[in-house]
Amino acid sequence: MGGPADPELVAAGGQLPDQVRESPVVGIAASLGAHPDGSATFLGRGTGFEILTPADAQRFGLPNVSVVAGALTEQDGPDGTITSLLLHGHIQVDVCAALS
């Protein structure tokens, strides 16, 4: 019996590679597809958190930290950068604005 396949290797912080870019989710149906080139596609539906870097928040026109509802599709490149982010729904709470 061999060890885990490459996609199961542990990343920095003791997480599996497919867990490194995941946002916490609450009451959301989600799936993550890992592609042979190292990229990944996250599909989510329901209510969950989205946490973005300031640069990604500006690029996609979303808050840095938010509670979102609806359908979310995120595509990440092999290096972990977000290459596409589509929200078909709405932002329930801009967490940073709510805390300020």
N, C-alpha and C. Protein backbone atom coordinates (compact mmCIF):
# COMPACT_ATOMS: atom_id res chain seq x y z
N MET A 1 0.85 -1.18 0.00
CA MET A 1 0.00 0.00 0.00
C MET A 1 0.89 1.23 0.00
N GLY A 2 0.67 2.11 -0.93
CA GLY A 2 1.48 3.32 -1.04
C GLY A 2 0.95 4.46 -0.21
N GLY A 3 1.64 5.57 -0.27
CA GLY A 3 1.22 6.78 0.45
C GLY A 3 0.16 7.52 -0.33
N PRO A 4 -0.21 8.69 0.17
CA PRO A 4 -1.25 9.48 -0.51
C PRO A 4 -0.78 9.97 -1.87
N ALA A 5 -1.72 10.15 -2.78
CA ALA A 5 -1.41 10.72 -4.08
C ALA A 5 -0.96 12.16 -3.90
N ASP A 6 -0.29 12.72 -4.89
CA ASP A 6 0.22 14.10 -4.80
C ASP A 6 -0.80 15.11 -4.30
N PRO A 7 -2.08 15.08 -4.74
CA PRO A 7 -3.02 16.09 -4.24
C PRO A 7 -3.24 16.01 -2.73
N GLU A 8 -2.85 14.92 -2.10
CA GLU A 8 -3.05 14.78 -0.66
C GLU A 8 -1.81 15.18 0.16
N LEU A 9 -0.76 15.65 -0.49
CA LEU A 9 0.42 16.10 0.24
C LEU A 9 0.05 17.28 1.12
N VAL A 10 0.70 17.39 2.26
CA VAL A 10 0.37 18.45 3.20
C VAL A 10 1.06 19.74 2.80
N ALA A 11 0.32 20.84 2.84
CA ALA A 11 0.84 22.16 2.52
C ALA A 11 1.33 22.83 3.80
N ALA A 12 1.87 24.04 3.68
CA ALA A 12 2.30 24.82 4.83
C ALA A 12 1.16 24.98 5.82
N GLY A 13 1.44 24.91 7.09
CA GLY A 13 0.41 25.07 8.11
C GLY A 13 -0.33 23.78 8.40
N GLY A 14 0.12 22.65 7.81
CA GLY A 14 -0.51 21.37 8.09
C GLY A 14 -1.82 21.15 7.37
N GLN A 15 -2.17 22.01 6.41
CA GLN A 15 -3.43 21.86 5.68
C GLN A 15 -3.17 21.09 4.40
N LEU A 16 -4.21 20.44 3.91
CA LEU A 16 -4.12 19.84 2.59
C LEU A 16 -4.12 20.97 1.57
N PRO A 17 -3.46 20.78 0.42
CA PRO A 17 -3.38 21.85 -0.57
C PRO A 17 -4.74 22.44 -0.95
N ASP A 18 -5.78 21.62 -0.99
CA ASP A 18 -7.08 22.14 -1.39
C ASP A 18 -7.78 22.89 -0.26
N GLN A 19 -7.16 22.99 0.91
CA GLN A 19 -7.75 23.73 2.02
C GLN A 19 -7.10 25.09 2.22
N VAL A 20 -6.00 25.35 1.56
CA VAL A 20 -5.23 26.57 1.80
C VAL A 20 -6.02 27.82 1.43
N ARG A 21 -6.77 27.84 0.32
CA ARG A 21 -7.46 29.04 -0.14
C ARG A 21 -8.95 29.02 0.18
N GLU A 22 -9.43 28.03 0.92
CA GLU A 22 -10.86 27.95 1.19
C GLU A 22 -11.29 29.03 2.17
N SER A 23 -12.44 29.60 1.91
CA SER A 23 -13.07 30.53 2.84
C SER A 23 -13.96 29.75 3.79
N PRO A 24 -14.08 30.21 5.04
CA PRO A 24 -15.01 29.52 5.94
C PRO A 24 -16.43 29.61 5.39
N VAL A 25 -17.19 28.56 5.54
CA VAL A 25 -18.54 28.55 5.01
C VAL A 25 -19.54 28.21 6.11
N VAL A 26 -20.72 28.79 6.01
CA VAL A 26 -21.80 28.54 6.96
C VAL A 26 -23.04 28.23 6.15
N GLY A 27 -23.59 27.04 6.29
CA GLY A 27 -24.81 26.70 5.57
C GLY A 27 -24.66 26.80 4.07
N ILE A 28 -23.53 26.36 3.54
CA ILE A 28 -23.28 26.49 2.12
C ILE A 28 -22.95 25.11 1.53
N ALA A 29 -23.51 24.83 0.38
CA ALA A 29 -23.15 23.62 -0.36
C ALA A 29 -21.96 24.00 -1.22
N ALA A 30 -20.86 23.28 -1.09
CA ALA A 30 -19.64 23.67 -1.80
C ALA A 30 -18.95 22.46 -2.40
N SER A 31 -18.21 22.72 -3.47
CA SER A 31 -17.35 21.70 -4.06
C SER A 31 -16.07 22.37 -4.52
N LEU A 32 -15.01 21.60 -4.51
CA LEU A 32 -13.71 22.11 -4.93
C LEU A 32 -13.16 21.13 -5.94
N GLY A 33 -12.84 21.62 -7.12
CA GLY A 33 -12.26 20.77 -8.16
C GLY A 33 -10.81 21.14 -8.37
N ALA A 34 -9.92 20.17 -8.17
CA ALA A 34 -8.50 20.38 -8.42
C ALA A 34 -8.20 19.91 -9.84
N HIS A 35 -7.44 20.71 -10.59
CA HIS A 35 -7.14 20.42 -11.98
C HIS A 35 -5.69 19.95 -12.11
N PRO A 36 -5.36 19.16 -13.14
CA PRO A 36 -4.00 18.62 -13.30
C PRO A 36 -2.90 19.68 -13.33
N ASP A 37 -3.22 20.90 -13.80
CA ASP A 37 -2.19 21.95 -13.87
C ASP A 37 -1.96 22.64 -12.53
N GLY A 38 -2.68 22.21 -11.47
CA GLY A 38 -2.51 22.81 -10.16
C GLY A 38 -3.53 23.89 -9.85
N SER A 39 -4.33 24.27 -10.83
CA SER A 39 -5.38 25.26 -10.59
C SER A 39 -6.56 24.58 -9.91
N ALA A 40 -7.51 25.39 -9.43
CA ALA A 40 -8.66 24.84 -8.73
C ALA A 40 -9.89 25.70 -8.99
N THR A 41 -11.06 25.07 -8.90
CA THR A 41 -12.33 25.77 -9.04
C THR A 41 -13.16 25.48 -7.81
N PHE A 42 -13.64 26.53 -7.16
CA PHE A 42 -14.50 26.42 -6.00
C PHE A 42 -15.89 26.87 -6.41
N LEU A 43 -16.87 26.02 -6.14
CA LEU A 43 -18.27 26.36 -6.42
C LEU A 43 -19.03 26.31 -5.10
N GLY A 44 -19.70 27.38 -4.77
CA GLY A 44 -20.46 27.41 -3.52
C GLY A 44 -21.84 28.00 -3.73
N ARG A 45 -22.79 27.57 -2.91
CA ARG A 45 -24.15 28.09 -2.99
C ARG A 45 -24.69 28.13 -1.56
N GLY A 46 -25.24 29.27 -1.18
CA GLY A 46 -25.80 29.43 0.15
C GLY A 46 -25.25 30.70 0.78
N THR A 47 -24.98 30.64 2.08
CA THR A 47 -24.44 31.78 2.82
C THR A 47 -23.08 31.41 3.37
N GLY A 48 -22.09 32.28 3.17
CA GLY A 48 -20.74 31.99 3.67
C GLY A 48 -19.91 33.25 3.76
N PHE A 49 -18.67 33.09 4.23
CA PHE A 49 -17.73 34.19 4.34
C PHE A 49 -16.84 34.21 3.11
N GLU A 50 -16.46 35.40 2.68
CA GLU A 50 -15.46 35.56 1.63
C GLU A 50 -14.41 36.50 2.19
N ILE A 51 -13.17 36.05 2.21
CA ILE A 51 -12.05 36.84 2.73
C ILE A 51 -11.07 37.06 1.58
N LEU A 52 -10.83 38.32 1.23
CA LEU A 52 -9.98 38.67 0.11
C LEU A 52 -8.84 39.58 0.55
N THR A 53 -7.74 39.51 -0.16
CA THR A 53 -6.66 40.47 0.07
C THR A 53 -7.17 41.84 -0.40
N PRO A 54 -6.58 42.93 0.07
CA PRO A 54 -7.01 44.26 -0.41
C PRO A 54 -6.94 44.38 -1.93
N ALA A 55 -5.90 43.84 -2.55
CA ALA A 55 -5.77 43.92 -4.01
C ALA A 55 -6.89 43.16 -4.71
N ASP A 56 -7.21 41.94 -4.22
CA ASP A 56 -8.28 41.17 -4.83
C ASP A 56 -9.64 41.82 -4.58
N ALA A 57 -9.84 42.39 -3.41
CA ALA A 57 -11.10 43.06 -3.11
C ALA A 57 -11.32 44.21 -4.09
N GLN A 58 -10.28 44.98 -4.35
CA GLN A 58 -10.39 46.09 -5.29
C GLN A 58 -10.61 45.57 -6.71
N ARG A 59 -9.89 44.54 -7.09
CA ARG A 59 -9.98 44.00 -8.46
C ARG A 59 -11.36 43.44 -8.77
N PHE A 60 -12.00 42.79 -7.76
CA PHE A 60 -13.29 42.17 -8.00
C PHE A 60 -14.46 43.01 -7.48
N GLY A 61 -14.17 44.18 -6.89
CA GLY A 61 -15.23 45.08 -6.45
C GLY A 61 -16.02 44.55 -5.27
N LEU A 62 -15.35 43.81 -4.38
CA LEU A 62 -16.00 43.24 -3.20
C LEU A 62 -15.26 43.71 -1.95
N PRO A 63 -15.91 43.66 -0.79
CA PRO A 63 -15.23 44.01 0.46
C PRO A 63 -14.13 42.99 0.79
N ASN A 64 -13.18 43.41 1.64
CA ASN A 64 -12.12 42.49 2.06
C ASN A 64 -12.69 41.29 2.81
N VAL A 65 -13.61 41.55 3.72
CA VAL A 65 -14.23 40.48 4.51
C VAL A 65 -15.73 40.69 4.45
N SER A 66 -16.45 39.68 3.97
CA SER A 66 -17.90 39.84 3.83
C SER A 66 -18.62 38.52 4.06
N VAL A 67 -19.90 38.66 4.37
CA VAL A 67 -20.81 37.52 4.39
C VAL A 67 -21.60 37.63 3.10
N VAL A 68 -21.52 36.58 2.28
CA VAL A 68 -22.18 36.59 0.98
C VAL A 68 -23.28 35.54 0.94
N ALA A 69 -24.28 35.78 0.11
CA ALA A 69 -25.36 34.81 -0.09
C ALA A 69 -25.60 34.66 -1.58
N GLY A 70 -25.81 33.44 -2.01
CA GLY A 70 -26.05 33.17 -3.42
C GLY A 70 -25.09 32.13 -3.94
N ALA A 71 -24.78 32.22 -5.22
CA ALA A 71 -23.85 31.29 -5.86
C ALA A 71 -22.51 31.99 -6.08
N LEU A 72 -21.43 31.33 -5.68
CA LEU A 72 -20.09 31.89 -5.80
C LEU A 72 -19.23 30.91 -6.60
N THR A 73 -18.55 31.42 -7.61
CA THR A 73 -17.61 30.61 -8.38
C THR A 73 -16.26 31.31 -8.32
N GLU A 74 -15.26 30.59 -7.83
CA GLU A 74 -13.90 31.14 -7.74
C GLU A 74 -12.95 30.20 -8.45
N GLN A 75 -12.11 30.75 -9.31
CA GLN A 75 -11.08 29.98 -9.97
C GLN A 75 -9.74 30.50 -9.50
N ASP A 76 -8.88 29.57 -9.08
CA ASP A 76 -7.55 29.91 -8.59
C ASP A 76 -6.50 29.31 -9.51
N GLY A 77 -5.45 30.09 -9.78
CA GLY A 77 -4.35 29.60 -10.59
C GLY A 77 -3.48 28.64 -9.80
N PRO A 78 -2.54 27.99 -10.47
CA PRO A 78 -1.66 27.03 -9.80
C PRO A 78 -0.86 27.64 -8.64
N ASP A 79 -0.62 28.95 -8.70
CA ASP A 79 0.13 29.62 -7.63
C ASP A 79 -0.78 30.11 -6.50
N GLY A 80 -2.09 29.82 -6.58
CA GLY A 80 -3.02 30.21 -5.52
C GLY A 80 -3.68 31.55 -5.71
N THR A 81 -3.29 32.30 -6.76
CA THR A 81 -3.94 33.59 -6.99
C THR A 81 -5.34 33.37 -7.55
N ILE A 82 -6.25 34.25 -7.19
CA ILE A 82 -7.61 34.16 -7.71
C ILE A 82 -7.60 34.73 -9.13
N THR A 83 -8.01 33.92 -10.09
CA THR A 83 -8.02 34.37 -11.47
C THR A 83 -9.41 34.82 -11.90
N SER A 84 -10.45 34.33 -11.23
CA SER A 84 -11.82 34.71 -11.56
C SER A 84 -12.68 34.54 -10.31
N LEU A 85 -13.57 35.50 -10.07
CA LEU A 85 -14.47 35.44 -8.92
C LEU A 85 -15.81 36.02 -9.34
N LEU A 86 -16.84 35.18 -9.34
CA LEU A 86 -18.17 35.60 -9.74
C LEU A 86 -19.15 35.33 -8.61
N LEU A 87 -19.88 36.35 -8.19
CA LEU A 87 -20.91 36.21 -7.17
C LEU A 87 -22.25 36.49 -7.82
N HIS A 88 -23.08 35.48 -7.88
CA HIS A 88 -24.45 35.63 -8.37
C HIS A 88 -25.34 35.59 -7.13
N GLY A 89 -25.46 36.74 -6.50
CA GLY A 89 -26.19 36.86 -5.24
C GLY A 89 -25.94 38.25 -4.70
N HIS A 90 -25.70 38.34 -3.39
CA HIS A 90 -25.47 39.66 -2.81
C HIS A 90 -24.60 39.56 -1.56
N ILE A 91 -24.08 40.70 -1.18
CA ILE A 91 -23.29 40.81 0.05
C ILE A 91 -24.26 41.11 1.18
N GLN A 92 -24.32 40.22 2.16
CA GLN A 92 -25.21 40.44 3.30
C GLN A 92 -24.59 41.41 4.29
N VAL A 93 -23.28 41.26 4.54
CA VAL A 93 -22.60 42.12 5.50
C VAL A 93 -21.19 42.40 5.02
N ASP A 94 -20.82 43.68 4.96
CA ASP A 94 -19.42 44.08 4.79
C ASP A 94 -18.88 44.14 6.21
N VAL A 95 -18.13 43.12 6.61
CA VAL A 95 -17.72 42.97 8.01
C VAL A 95 -16.86 44.13 8.47
N CYS A 96 -15.91 44.59 7.65
CA CYS A 96 -15.04 45.70 8.06
C CYS A 96 -15.86 46.97 8.28
N ALA A 97 -16.79 47.24 7.37
CA ALA A 97 -17.63 48.45 7.53
C ALA A 97 -18.50 48.34 8.77
N ALA A 98 -19.01 47.15 9.05
CA ALA A 98 -19.88 46.95 10.21
C ALA A 98 -19.11 47.13 11.52
N LEU A 99 -17.82 46.84 11.52
CA LEU A 99 -17.01 46.95 12.72
C LEU A 99 -16.41 48.34 12.93
N SER A 100 -16.46 49.17 11.89
CA SER A 100 -15.83 50.50 12.01
C SER A 100 -16.80 51.53 12.57
